[in-house]
């Protein structure tokens, strides 16, 4: 079951999920709010539950002409460190080069992290 929610304050019980998918959604969260966000992500999965965040790689924000919002690019090692501080163990990382034929210009990374058991 997939259920949308407000990431910083998920209306879900502690340990009630098998996992959390954050598909490019952390790209709009300021870096100083990520530790609290990842702590919330760590609260809702059951022990051993999975987290799948996807992120654009880089240091500079991307500001497209439309829509009017910023995409904050991230450094995967920094994100992995923040996830570990929140109680996750990063189990896998997939790096994906931009698909230039499709007009993509950004390197992408997908992390798979598990909440500590117990």
PDB file of N, CA and C in Angstrom:
ATOM      1  N   UNK A   1       0.840  -1.171   0.000  1.00  0.00           N
ATOM      2  CA  UNK A   1       0.000   0.000   0.000  1.00  0.00           C
ATOM      3  C   UNK A   1       0.889   1.239   0.000  1.00  0.00           C
ATOM      4  N   UNK A   2       0.564   2.179  -0.837  1.00  0.00           N
ATOM      5  CA  UNK A   2       1.245   3.466  -0.841  1.00  0.00           C
ATOM      6  C   UNK A   2       0.284   4.498  -0.289  1.00  0.00           C
ATOM      7  N   UNK A   3       0.832   5.403   0.511  1.00  0.00           N
ATOM      8  CA  UNK A   3      -0.002   6.430   1.122  1.00  0.00           C
ATOM      9  C   UNK A   3       0.777   7.730   1.146  1.00  0.00           C
ATOM     10  N   UNK A   4       0.232   8.796   0.541  1.00  0.00           N
ATOM     11  CA  UNK A   4       0.934  10.076   0.598  1.00  0.00           C
ATOM     12  C   UNK A   4       0.827  10.679   1.995  1.00  0.00           C
ATOM     13  N   UNK A   5       1.766  11.564   2.292  1.00  0.00           N
ATOM     14  CA  UNK A   5       1.740  12.231   3.583  1.00  0.00           C
ATOM     15  C   UNK A   5       2.674  13.419   3.578  1.00  0.00           C
ATOM     16  N   UNK A   6       2.668  14.172   4.650  1.00  0.00           N
ATOM     17  CA  UNK A   6       3.585  15.288   4.826  1.00  0.00           C
ATOM     18  C   UNK A   6       4.870  14.731   5.423  1.00  0.00           C
ATOM     19  N   UNK A   7       5.946  14.798   4.686  1.00  0.00           N
ATOM     20  CA  UNK A   7       7.183  14.131   5.105  1.00  0.00           C
ATOM     21  C   UNK A   7       7.669  14.510   6.499  1.00  0.00           C
ATOM     22  N   UNK A   8       7.671  15.779   6.885  1.00  0.00           N
ATOM     23  CA  UNK A   8       8.235  16.105   8.204  1.00  0.00           C
ATOM     24  C   UNK A   8       7.418  15.565   9.380  1.00  0.00           C
ATOM     25  N   UNK A   9       6.124  15.344   9.167  1.00  0.00           N
ATOM     26  CA  UNK A   9       5.259  14.855  10.246  1.00  0.00           C
ATOM     27  C   UNK A   9       4.310  13.824   9.642  1.00  0.00           C
ATOM     28  N   UNK A  10       4.766  12.596   9.564  1.00  0.00           N
ATOM     29  CA  UNK A  10       3.949  11.540   8.971  1.00  0.00           C
ATOM     30  C   UNK A  10       2.877  11.093   9.956  1.00  0.00           C
ATOM     31  N   UNK A  11       1.653  11.029   9.488  1.00  0.00           N
ATOM     32  CA  UNK A  11       0.524  10.621  10.319  1.00  0.00           C
ATOM     33  C   UNK A  11       0.443   9.095  10.318  1.00  0.00           C
ATOM     34  N   UNK A  12       1.454   8.483  10.905  1.00  0.00           N
ATOM     35  CA  UNK A  12       1.582   7.029  10.911  1.00  0.00           C
ATOM     36  C   UNK A  12       2.131   6.578  12.258  1.00  0.00           C
ATOM     37  N   UNK A  13       1.785   5.361  12.680  1.00  0.00           N
ATOM     38  CA  UNK A  13       2.310   4.870  13.959  1.00  0.00           C
ATOM     39  C   UNK A  13       3.785   4.495  13.855  1.00  0.00           C
ATOM     40  N   UNK A  14       4.453   4.499  14.974  1.00  0.00           N
ATOM     41  CA  UNK A  14       5.849   4.052  15.034  1.00  0.00           C
ATOM     42  C   UNK A  14       5.940   2.602  14.563  1.00  0.00           C
ATOM     43  N   UNK A  15       6.890   2.332  13.682  1.00  0.00           N
ATOM     44  CA  UNK A  15       7.145   0.965  13.249  1.00  0.00           C
ATOM     45  C   UNK A  15       6.019   0.306  12.487  1.00  0.00           C
ATOM     46  N   UNK A  16       5.126   1.095  11.905  1.00  0.00           N
ATOM     47  CA  UNK A  16       3.954   0.528  11.247  1.00  0.00           C
ATOM     48  C   UNK A  16       4.102   0.210   9.772  1.00  0.00           C
ATOM     49  N   UNK A  17       5.245   0.521   9.176  1.00  0.00           N
ATOM     50  CA  UNK A  17       5.413   0.318   7.738  1.00  0.00           C
ATOM     51  C   UNK A  17       6.525  -0.678   7.443  1.00  0.00           C
ATOM     52  N   UNK A  18       6.437  -1.264   6.266  1.00  0.00           N
ATOM     53  CA  UNK A  18       7.536  -2.108   5.785  1.00  0.00           C
ATOM     54  C   UNK A  18       8.649  -1.249   5.209  1.00  0.00           C
ATOM     55  N   UNK A  19       8.307  -0.048   4.750  1.00  0.00           N
ATOM     56  CA  UNK A  19       9.326   0.818   4.180  1.00  0.00           C
ATOM     57  C   UNK A  19       8.788   2.178   3.799  1.00  0.00           C
ATOM     58  N   UNK A  20       9.705   3.048   3.376  1.00  0.00           N
ATOM     59  CA  UNK A  20       9.395   4.414   2.960  1.00  0.00           C
ATOM     60  C   UNK A  20      10.068   4.655   1.617  1.00  0.00           C
ATOM     61  N   UNK A  21       9.319   5.215   0.667  1.00  0.00           N
ATOM     62  CA  UNK A  21       9.871   5.608  -0.626  1.00  0.00           C
ATOM     63  C   UNK A  21       9.882   7.131  -0.671  1.00  0.00           C
ATOM     64  N   UNK A  22      11.052   7.707  -0.903  1.00  0.00           N
ATOM     65  CA  UNK A  22      11.206   9.164  -1.016  1.00  0.00           C
ATOM     66  C   UNK A  22      11.814   9.442  -2.393  1.00  0.00           C
ATOM     67  N   UNK A  23      10.979   9.332  -3.412  1.00  0.00           N
ATOM     68  CA  UNK A  23      11.434   9.389  -4.800  1.00  0.00           C
ATOM     69  C   UNK A  23      11.607  10.836  -5.228  1.00  0.00           C
ATOM     70  N   UNK A  24      12.804  11.360  -5.109  1.00  0.00           N
ATOM     71  CA  UNK A  24      13.198  12.736  -5.416  1.00  0.00           C
ATOM     72  C   UNK A  24      12.535  13.761  -4.506  1.00  0.00           C
ATOM     73  N   UNK A  25      11.787  13.348  -3.525  1.00  0.00           N
ATOM     74  CA  UNK A  25      11.082  14.301  -2.673  1.00  0.00           C
ATOM     75  C   UNK A  25      11.999  15.029  -1.705  1.00  0.00           C
ATOM     76  N   UNK A  26      13.152  14.460  -1.356  1.00  0.00           N
ATOM     77  CA  UNK A  26      14.061  15.173  -0.456  1.00  0.00           C
ATOM     78  C   UNK A  26      14.811  16.283  -1.183  1.00  0.00           C
ATOM     79  N   UNK A  27      14.667  16.348  -2.506  1.00  0.00           N
ATOM     80  CA  UNK A  27      15.342  17.385  -3.293  1.00  0.00           C
ATOM     81  C   UNK A  27      14.838  18.782  -2.968  1.00  0.00           C
ATOM     82  N   UNK A  28      13.671  18.868  -2.362  1.00  0.00           N
ATOM     83  CA  UNK A  28      13.087  20.177  -2.062  1.00  0.00           C
ATOM     84  C   UNK A  28      13.224  20.540  -0.585  1.00  0.00           C
ATOM     85  N   UNK A  29      13.925  19.728   0.172  1.00  0.00           N
ATOM     86  CA  UNK A  29      14.093  19.952   1.609  1.00  0.00           C
ATOM     87  C   UNK A  29      15.438  20.618   1.873  1.00  0.00           C
ATOM     88  N   UNK A  30      15.456  21.759   2.553  1.00  0.00           N
ATOM     89  CA  UNK A  30      16.740  22.388   2.882  1.00  0.00           C
ATOM     90  C   UNK A  30      17.623  21.442   3.698  1.00  0.00           C
ATOM     91  N   UNK A  31      18.922  21.518   3.475  1.00  0.00           N
ATOM     92  CA  UNK A  31      19.872  20.583   4.094  1.00  0.00           C
ATOM     93  C   UNK A  31      19.798  20.607   5.620  1.00  0.00           C
ATOM     94  N   UNK A  32      19.521  21.753   6.229  1.00  0.00           N
ATOM     95  CA  UNK A  32      19.462  21.814   7.689  1.00  0.00           C
ATOM     96  C   UNK A  32      18.236  21.099   8.261  1.00  0.00           C
ATOM     97  N   UNK A  33      17.257  20.786   7.414  1.00  0.00           N
ATOM     98  CA  UNK A  33      16.065  20.061   7.870  1.00  0.00           C
ATOM     99  C   UNK A  33      16.152  18.555   7.619  1.00  0.00           C
ATOM    100  N   UNK A  34      17.196  18.117   6.924  1.00  0.00           N
ATOM    101  CA  UNK A  34      17.305  16.699   6.595  1.00  0.00           C
ATOM    102  C   UNK A  34      17.468  15.791   7.816  1.00  0.00           C
ATOM    103  N   UNK A  35      18.267  16.140   8.837  1.00  0.00           N
ATOM    104  CA  UNK A  35      18.363  15.233   9.991  1.00  0.00           C
ATOM    105  C   UNK A  35      17.004  14.946  10.638  1.00  0.00           C
ATOM    106  N   UNK A  36      16.178  15.959  10.818  1.00  0.00           N
ATOM    107  CA  UNK A  36      14.852  15.746  11.408  1.00  0.00           C
ATOM    108  C   UNK A  36      13.964  14.931  10.471  1.00  0.00           C
ATOM    109  N   UNK A  37      14.068  15.191   9.182  1.00  0.00           N
ATOM    110  CA  UNK A  37      13.282  14.440   8.205  1.00  0.00           C
ATOM    111  C   UNK A  37      13.671  12.963   8.218  1.00  0.00           C
ATOM    112  N   UNK A  38      14.972  12.685   8.241  1.00  0.00           N
ATOM    113  CA  UNK A  38      15.422  11.298   8.249  1.00  0.00           C
ATOM    114  C   UNK A  38      15.069  10.608   9.566  1.00  0.00           C
ATOM    115  N   UNK A  39      15.043  11.357  10.659  1.00  0.00           N
ATOM    116  CA  UNK A  39      14.598  10.781  11.933  1.00  0.00           C
ATOM    117  C   UNK A  39      13.123  10.380  11.844  1.00  0.00           C
ATOM    118  N   UNK A  40      12.324  11.190  11.172  1.00  0.00           N
ATOM    119  CA  UNK A  40      10.912  10.844  10.973  1.00  0.00           C
ATOM    120  C   UNK A  40      10.787   9.619  10.078  1.00  0.00           C
ATOM    121  N   UNK A  41      11.595   9.561   9.033  1.00  0.00           N
ATOM    122  CA  UNK A  41      11.597   8.380   8.165  1.00  0.00           C
ATOM    123  C   UNK A  41      12.009   7.133   8.945  1.00  0.00           C
ATOM    124  N   UNK A  42      12.890   7.272   9.926  1.00  0.00           N
ATOM    125  CA  UNK A  42      13.345   6.130  10.727  1.00  0.00           C
ATOM    126  C   UNK A  42      12.300   5.700  11.754  1.00  0.00           C
ATOM    127  N   UNK A  43      11.398   6.591  12.106  1.00  0.00           N
ATOM    128  CA  UNK A  43      10.379   6.293  13.114  1.00  0.00           C
ATOM    129  C   UNK A  43       9.313   5.341  12.586  1.00  0.00           C
ATOM    130  N   UNK A  44       8.931   5.477  11.324  1.00  0.00           N
ATOM    131  CA  UNK A  44       7.738   4.784  10.841  1.00  0.00           C
ATOM    132  C   UNK A  44       7.951   3.367  10.313  1.00  0.00           C
ATOM    133  N   UNK A  45       9.131   2.978   9.821  1.00  0.00           N
ATOM    134  CA  UNK A  45       9.248   1.572   9.413  1.00  0.00           C
ATOM    135  C   UNK A  45       9.502   0.653  10.605  1.00  0.00           C
ATOM    136  N   UNK A  46       9.047  -0.578  10.451  1.00  0.00           N
ATOM    137  CA  UNK A  46       9.332  -1.608  11.447  1.00  0.00           C
ATOM    138  C   UNK A  46      10.832  -1.869  11.467  1.00  0.00           C
ATOM    139  N   UNK A  47      11.354  -2.437  12.546  1.00  0.00           N
ATOM    140  CA  UNK A  47      12.778  -2.794  12.555  1.00  0.00           C
ATOM    141  C   UNK A  47      13.126  -3.638  11.323  1.00  0.00           C
ATOM    142  N   UNK A  48      14.190  -3.252  10.651  1.00  0.00           N
ATOM    143  CA  UNK A  48      14.583  -3.901   9.405  1.00  0.00           C
ATOM    144  C   UNK A  48      13.874  -3.352   8.187  1.00  0.00           C
ATOM    145  N   UNK A  49      12.905  -2.429   8.381  1.00  0.00           N
ATOM    146  CA  UNK A  49      12.179  -1.820   7.261  1.00  0.00           C
ATOM    147  C   UNK A  49      13.114  -1.022   6.373  1.00  0.00           C
ATOM    148  N   UNK A  50      12.714  -0.840   5.136  1.00  0.00           N
ATOM    149  CA  UNK A  50      13.572  -0.232   4.124  1.00  0.00           C
ATOM    150  C   UNK A  50      13.210   1.231   3.857  1.00  0.00           C
ATOM    151  N   UNK A  51      14.208   1.983   3.432  1.00  0.00           N
ATOM    152  CA  UNK A  51      14.032   3.349   2.940  1.00  0.00           C
ATOM    153  C   UNK A  51      14.674   3.414   1.572  1.00  0.00           C
ATOM    154  N   UNK A  52      13.958   3.974   0.596  1.00  0.00           N
ATOM    155  CA  UNK A  52      14.481   4.143  -0.754  1.00  0.00           C
ATOM    156  C   UNK A  52      14.402   5.617  -1.131  1.00  0.00           C
ATOM    157  N   UNK A  53      15.479   6.389  -0.891  1.00  0.00           N
ATOM    158  CA  UNK A  53      15.512   7.772  -1.363  1.00  0.00           C
ATOM    159  C   UNK A  53      16.224   7.852  -2.713  1.00  0.00           C
ATOM    160  N   UNK A  54      15.725   8.709  -3.581  1.00  0.00           N
ATOM    161  CA  UNK A  54      16.376   8.993  -4.858  1.00  0.00           C
ATOM    162  C   UNK A  54      16.795  10.455  -4.832  1.00  0.00           C
ATOM    163  N   UNK A  55      17.975  10.757  -5.368  1.00  0.00           N
ATOM    164  CA  UNK A  55      18.463  12.131  -5.327  1.00  0.00           C
ATOM    165  C   UNK A  55      19.283  12.466  -6.553  1.00  0.00           C
ATOM    166  N   UNK A  56      19.271  13.752  -6.886  1.00  0.00           N
ATOM    167  CA  UNK A  56      20.145  14.273  -7.924  1.00  0.00           C
ATOM    168  C   UNK A  56      21.474  14.604  -7.270  1.00  0.00           C
ATOM    169  N   UNK A  57      22.562  14.292  -7.969  1.00  0.00           N
ATOM    170  CA  UNK A  57      23.897  14.476  -7.406  1.00  0.00           C
ATOM    171  C   UNK A  57      24.454  15.832  -7.796  1.00  0.00           C
ATOM    172  N   UNK A  58      25.075  16.509  -6.851  1.00  0.00           N
ATOM    173  CA  UNK A  58      25.742  17.768  -7.124  1.00  0.00           C
ATOM    174  C   UNK A  58      25.759  18.660  -5.910  1.00  0.00           C
ATOM    175  N   UNK A  59      26.340  19.836  -6.098  1.00  0.00           N
ATOM    176  CA  UNK A  59      26.429  20.814  -5.022  1.00  0.00           C
ATOM    177  C   UNK A  59      25.553  22.035  -5.267  1.00  0.00           C
ATOM    178  N   UNK A  60      25.316  22.347  -6.513  1.00  0.00           N
ATOM    179  CA  UNK A  60      24.575  23.554  -6.858  1.00  0.00           C
ATOM    180  C   UNK A  60      23.098  23.238  -7.051  1.00  0.00           C
ATOM    181  N   UNK A  61      22.202  24.127  -6.590  1.00  0.00           N
ATOM    182  CA  UNK A  61      20.779  23.896  -6.829  1.00  0.00           C
ATOM    183  C   UNK A  61      20.445  24.060  -8.310  1.00  0.00           C
ATOM    184  N   UNK A  62      19.433  23.361  -8.738  1.00  0.00           N
ATOM    185  CA  UNK A  62      18.916  23.488 -10.094  1.00  0.00           C
ATOM    186  C   UNK A  62      17.670  24.344 -10.002  1.00  0.00           C
ATOM    187  N   UNK A  63      17.627  25.411 -10.778  1.00  0.00           N
ATOM    188  CA  UNK A  63      16.479  26.320 -10.758  1.00  0.00           C
ATOM    189  C   UNK A  63      15.875  26.394 -12.158  1.00  0.00           C
ATOM    190  N   UNK A  64      14.981  25.473 -12.463  1.00  0.00           N
ATOM    191  CA  UNK A  64      14.368  25.511 -13.788  1.00  0.00           C
ATOM    192  C   UNK A  64      13.438  26.711 -13.929  1.00  0.00           C
ATOM    193  N   UNK A  65      13.210  27.107 -15.175  1.00  0.00           N
ATOM    194  CA  UNK A  65      12.301  28.227 -15.426  1.00  0.00           C
ATOM    195  C   UNK A  65      10.888  27.897 -14.962  1.00  0.00           C
ATOM    196  N   UNK A  66      10.488  26.655 -15.092  1.00  0.00           N
ATOM    197  CA  UNK A  66       9.195  26.205 -14.627  1.00  0.00           C
ATOM    198  C   UNK A  66       9.341  24.776 -14.153  1.00  0.00           C
ATOM    199  N   UNK A  67       8.708  24.337 -13.193  1.00  0.00           N
ATOM    200  CA  UNK A  67       7.931  25.128 -12.252  1.00  0.00           C
ATOM    201  C   UNK A  67       8.831  25.967 -11.363  1.00  0.00           C
ATOM    202  N   UNK A  68       8.234  26.833 -10.602  1.00  0.00           N
ATOM    203  CA  UNK A  68       8.987  27.786  -9.809  1.00  0.00           C
ATOM    204  C   UNK A  68       9.355  27.177  -8.449  1.00  0.00           C
ATOM    205  N   UNK A  69      10.384  26.353  -8.455  1.00  0.00           N
ATOM    206  CA  UNK A  69      10.907  25.794  -7.215  1.00  0.00           C
ATOM    207  C   UNK A  69      12.338  25.352  -7.451  1.00  0.00           C
ATOM    208  N   UNK A  70      13.055  25.163  -6.373  1.00  0.00           N
ATOM    209  CA  UNK A  70      14.454  24.746  -6.462  1.00  0.00           C
ATOM    210  C   UNK A  70      14.568  23.246  -6.221  1.00  0.00           C
ATOM    211  N   UNK A  71      15.464  22.623  -6.945  1.00  0.00           N
ATOM    212  CA  UNK A  71      15.844  21.235  -6.711  1.00  0.00           C
ATOM    213  C   UNK A  71      17.231  21.274  -6.102  1.00  0.00           C
ATOM    214  N   UNK A  72      17.357  20.819  -4.886  1.00  0.00           N
ATOM    215  CA  UNK A  72      18.658  20.817  -4.222  1.00  0.00           C
ATOM    216  C   UNK A  72      19.366  19.511  -4.525  1.00  0.00           C
ATOM    217  N   UNK A  73      20.473  19.632  -5.189  1.00  0.00           N
ATOM    218  CA  UNK A  73      21.272  18.450  -5.477  1.00  0.00           C
ATOM    219  C   UNK A  73      22.045  18.064  -4.225  1.00  0.00           C
ATOM    220  N   UNK A  74      22.369  16.799  -4.099  1.00  0.00           N
ATOM    221  CA  UNK A  74      22.981  16.283  -2.876  1.00  0.00           C
ATOM    222  C   UNK A  74      24.226  15.470  -3.187  1.00  0.00           C
ATOM    223  N   UNK A  75      25.076  15.349  -2.206  1.00  0.00           N
ATOM    224  CA  UNK A  75      26.236  14.464  -2.273  1.00  0.00           C
ATOM    225  C   UNK A  75      25.835  13.138  -1.610  1.00  0.00           C
ATOM    226  N   UNK A  76      25.909  12.035  -2.342  1.00  0.00           N
ATOM    227  CA  UNK A  76      25.455  10.751  -1.800  1.00  0.00           C
ATOM    228  C   UNK A  76      26.131  10.355  -0.486  1.00  0.00           C
ATOM    229  N   UNK A  77      27.421  10.595  -0.351  1.00  0.00           N
ATOM    230  CA  UNK A  77      28.102  10.226   0.894  1.00  0.00           C
ATOM    231  C   UNK A  77      27.577  11.035   2.076  1.00  0.00           C
ATOM    232  N   UNK A  78      27.256  12.306   1.843  1.00  0.00           N
ATOM    233  CA  UNK A  78      26.678  13.140   2.895  1.00  0.00           C
ATOM    234  C   UNK A  78      25.299  12.613   3.282  1.00  0.00           C
ATOM    235  N   UNK A  79      24.482  12.258   2.282  1.00  0.00           N
ATOM    236  CA  UNK A  79      23.150  11.726   2.565  1.00  0.00           C
ATOM    237  C   UNK A  79      23.250  10.399   3.315  1.00  0.00           C
ATOM    238  N   UNK A  80      24.188   9.546   2.925  1.00  0.00           N
ATOM    239  CA  UNK A  80      24.374   8.266   3.620  1.00  0.00           C
ATOM    240  C   UNK A  80      24.748   8.505   5.080  1.00  0.00           C
ATOM    241  N   UNK A  81      25.604   9.484   5.341  1.00  0.00           N
ATOM    242  CA  UNK A  81      25.978   9.814   6.712  1.00  0.00           C
ATOM    243  C   UNK A  81      24.795  10.289   7.532  1.00  0.00           C
ATOM    244  N   UNK A  82      23.952  11.136   6.938  1.00  0.00           N
ATOM    245  CA  UNK A  82      22.762  11.605   7.650  1.00  0.00           C
ATOM    246  C   UNK A  82      21.790  10.462   7.918  1.00  0.00           C
ATOM    247  N   UNK A  83      21.651   9.562   6.960  1.00  0.00           N
ATOM    248  CA  UNK A  83      20.775   8.405   7.168  1.00  0.00           C
ATOM    249  C   UNK A  83      21.291   7.530   8.306  1.00  0.00           C
ATOM    250  N   UNK A  84      22.590   7.322   8.355  1.00  0.00           N
ATOM    251  CA  UNK A  84      23.169   6.511   9.430  1.00  0.00           C
ATOM    252  C   UNK A  84      22.966   7.172  10.790  1.00  0.00           C
ATOM    253  N   UNK A  85      23.082   8.499  10.846  1.00  0.00           N
ATOM    254  CA  UNK A  85      22.835   9.215  12.101  1.00  0.00           C
ATOM    255  C   UNK A  85      21.386   9.056  12.556  1.00  0.00           C
ATOM    256  N   UNK A  86      20.471   8.870  11.593  1.00  0.00           N
ATOM    257  CA  UNK A  86      19.049   8.717  11.913  1.00  0.00           C
ATOM    258  C   UNK A  86      18.687   7.275  12.272  1.00  0.00           C
ATOM    259  N   UNK A  87      19.655   6.365  12.215  1.00  0.00           N
ATOM    260  CA  UNK A  87      19.383   4.991  12.604  1.00  0.00           C
ATOM    261  C   UNK A  87      19.244   4.006  11.455  1.00  0.00           C
ATOM    262  N   UNK A  88      19.599   4.431  10.246  1.00  0.00           N
ATOM    263  CA  UNK A  88      19.553   3.540   9.090  1.00  0.00           C
ATOM    264  C   UNK A  88      20.939   2.979   8.808  1.00  0.00           C
ATOM    265  N   UNK A  89      20.963   1.861   8.130  1.00  0.00           N
ATOM    266  CA  UNK A  89      22.192   1.280   7.608  1.00  0.00           C
ATOM    267  C   UNK A  89      22.059   1.249   6.090  1.00  0.00           C
ATOM    268  N   UNK A  90      22.946   1.944   5.381  1.00  0.00           N
ATOM    269  CA  UNK A  90      22.867   1.968   3.921  1.00  0.00           C
ATOM    270  C   UNK A  90      23.341   0.617   3.403  1.00  0.00           C
ATOM    271  N   UNK A  91      22.465  -0.061   2.679  1.00  0.00           N
ATOM    272  CA  UNK A  91      22.742  -1.411   2.193  1.00  0.00           C
ATOM    273  C   UNK A  91      23.180  -1.437   0.740  1.00  0.00           C
ATOM    274  N   UNK A  92      22.716  -0.457  -0.055  1.00  0.00           N
ATOM    275  CA  UNK A  92      23.056  -0.466  -1.481  1.00  0.00           C
ATOM    276  C   UNK A  92      22.982   0.948  -2.032  1.00  0.00           C
ATOM    277  N   UNK A  93      23.734   1.141  -3.110  1.00  0.00           N
ATOM    278  CA  UNK A  93      23.747   2.431  -3.802  1.00  0.00           C
ATOM    279  C   UNK A  93      23.826   2.145  -5.298  1.00  0.00           C
ATOM    280  N   UNK A  94      22.954   2.801  -6.052  1.00  0.00           N
ATOM    281  CA  UNK A  94      22.962   2.687  -7.504  1.00  0.00           C
ATOM    282  C   UNK A  94      23.214   4.067  -8.081  1.00  0.00           C
ATOM    283  N   UNK A  95      24.274   4.199  -8.861  1.00  0.00           N
ATOM    284  CA  UNK A  95      24.579   5.452  -9.551  1.00  0.00           C
ATOM    285  C   UNK A  95      24.083   5.326 -10.983  1.00  0.00           C
ATOM    286  N   UNK A  96      23.405   6.361 -11.467  1.00  0.00           N
ATOM    287  CA  UNK A  96      22.878   6.346 -12.825  1.00  0.00           C
ATOM    288  C   UNK A  96      23.315   7.607 -13.552  1.00  0.00           C
ATOM    289  N   UNK A  97      23.965   7.421 -14.680  1.00  0.00           N
ATOM    290  CA  UNK A  97      24.391   8.552 -15.506  1.00  0.00           C
ATOM    291  C   UNK A  97      23.162   9.184 -16.157  1.00  0.00           C
ATOM    292  N   UNK A  98      23.257  10.461 -16.524  1.00  0.00           N
ATOM    293  CA  UNK A  98      22.134  11.100 -17.211  1.00  0.00           C
ATOM    294  C   UNK A  98      21.839  10.406 -18.538  1.00  0.00           C
ATOM    295  N   UNK A  99      20.573  10.316 -18.874  1.00  0.00           N
ATOM    296  CA  UNK A  99      20.156   9.791 -20.173  1.00  0.00           C
ATOM    297  C   UNK A  99      20.059  10.983 -21.121  1.00  0.00           C
ATOM    298  N   UNK A 100      21.163  11.272 -21.797  1.00  0.00           N
ATOM    299  CA  UNK A 100      21.239  12.459 -22.652  1.00  0.00           C
ATOM    300  C   UNK A 100      20.222  12.405 -23.781  1.00  0.00           C
ATOM    301  N   UNK A 101      19.907  11.213 -24.281  1.00  0.00           N
ATOM    302  CA  UNK A 101      18.920  11.077 -25.353  1.00  0.00           C
ATOM    303  C   UNK A 101      17.532  11.516 -24.894  1.00  0.00           C
ATOM    304  N   UNK A 102      17.283  11.434 -23.589  1.00  0.00           N
ATOM    305  CA  UNK A 102      15.996  11.851 -23.030  1.00  0.00           C
ATOM    306  C   UNK A 102      16.038  13.272 -22.469  1.00  0.00           C
ATOM    307  N   UNK A 103      17.149  13.972 -22.674  1.00  0.00           N
ATOM    308  CA  UNK A 103      17.258  15.351 -22.213  1.00  0.00           C
ATOM    309  C   UNK A 103      17.662  15.502 -20.761  1.00  0.00           C
ATOM    310  N   UNK A 104      18.070  14.422 -20.110  1.00  0.00           N
ATOM    311  CA  UNK A 104      18.508  14.518 -18.720  1.00  0.00           C
ATOM    312  C   UNK A 104      19.932  15.049 -18.668  1.00  0.00           C
ATOM    313  N   UNK A 105      20.212  15.838 -17.652  1.00  0.00           N
ATOM    314  CA  UNK A 105      21.553  16.405 -17.519  1.00  0.00           C
ATOM    315  C   UNK A 105      22.172  16.138 -16.148  1.00  0.00           C
ATOM    316  N   UNK A 106      21.476  15.413 -15.303  1.00  0.00           N
ATOM    317  CA  UNK A 106      21.914  15.245 -13.922  1.00  0.00           C
ATOM    318  C   UNK A 106      22.195  13.786 -13.593  1.00  0.00           C
ATOM    319  N   UNK A 107      23.312  13.559 -12.935  1.00  0.00           N
ATOM    320  CA  UNK A 107      23.670  12.245 -12.392  1.00  0.00           C
ATOM    321  C   UNK A 107      22.701  11.946 -11.254  1.00  0.00           C
ATOM    322  N   UNK A 108      22.205  10.728 -11.187  1.00  0.00           N
ATOM    323  CA  UNK A 108      21.231  10.338 -10.175  1.00  0.00           C
ATOM    324  C   UNK A 108      21.797   9.233  -9.297  1.00  0.00           C
ATOM    325  N   UNK A 109      21.358   9.199  -8.054  1.00  0.00           N
ATOM    326  CA  UNK A 109      21.747   8.139  -7.131  1.00  0.00           C
ATOM    327  C   UNK A 109      20.500   7.664  -6.395  1.00  0.00           C
ATOM    328  N   UNK A 110      20.422   6.345  -6.227  1.00  0.00           N
ATOM    329  CA  UNK A 110      19.358   5.709  -5.467  1.00  0.00           C
ATOM    330  C   UNK A 110      20.030   4.947  -4.326  1.00  0.00           C
ATOM    331  N   UNK A 111      19.579   5.184  -3.121  1.00  0.00           N
ATOM    332  CA  UNK A 111      20.121   4.499  -1.950  1.00  0.00           C
ATOM    333  C   UNK A 111      19.064   3.544  -1.407  1.00  0.00           C
ATOM    334  N   UNK A 112      19.496   2.437  -0.882  1.00  0.00           N
ATOM    335  CA  UNK A 112      18.602   1.546  -0.146  1.00  0.00           C
ATOM    336  C   UNK A 112      19.178   1.433   1.258  1.00  0.00           C
ATOM    337  N   UNK A 113      18.377   1.829   2.222  1.00  0.00           N
ATOM    338  CA  UNK A 113      18.811   1.820   3.617  1.00  0.00           C
ATOM    339  C   UNK A 113      17.797   1.036   4.435  1.00  0.00           C
ATOM    340  N   UNK A 114      18.255   0.416   5.499  1.00  0.00           N
ATOM    341  CA  UNK A 114      17.378  -0.348   6.384  1.00  0.00           C
ATOM    342  C   UNK A 114      17.446   0.229   7.788  1.00  0.00           C
ATOM    343  N   UNK A 115      16.291   0.279   8.428  1.00  0.00           N
ATOM    344  CA  UNK A 115      16.237   0.694   9.825  1.00  0.00           C
ATOM    345  C   UNK A 115      16.861  -0.403  10.675  1.00  0.00           C
ATOM    346  N   UNK A 116      17.590   0.002  11.669  1.00  0.00           N
ATOM    347  CA  UNK A 116      18.231  -0.976  12.555  1.00  0.00           C
ATOM    348  C   UNK A 116      17.183  -1.899  13.173  1.00  0.00           C
ATOM    349  N   UNK A 117      17.496  -3.150  13.245  1.00  0.00           N
ATOM    350  CA  UNK A 117      16.587  -4.121  13.858  1.00  0.00           C
ATOM    351  C   UNK A 117      16.574  -3.934  15.371  1.00  0.00           C
ATOM    352  N   UNK A 118      15.406  -4.159  15.947  1.00  0.00           N
ATOM    353  CA  UNK A 118      15.303  -4.124  17.404  1.00  0.00           C
ATOM    354  C   UNK A 118      15.041  -2.793  17.916  1.00  0.00           C
TER     355      UNK A 118
END
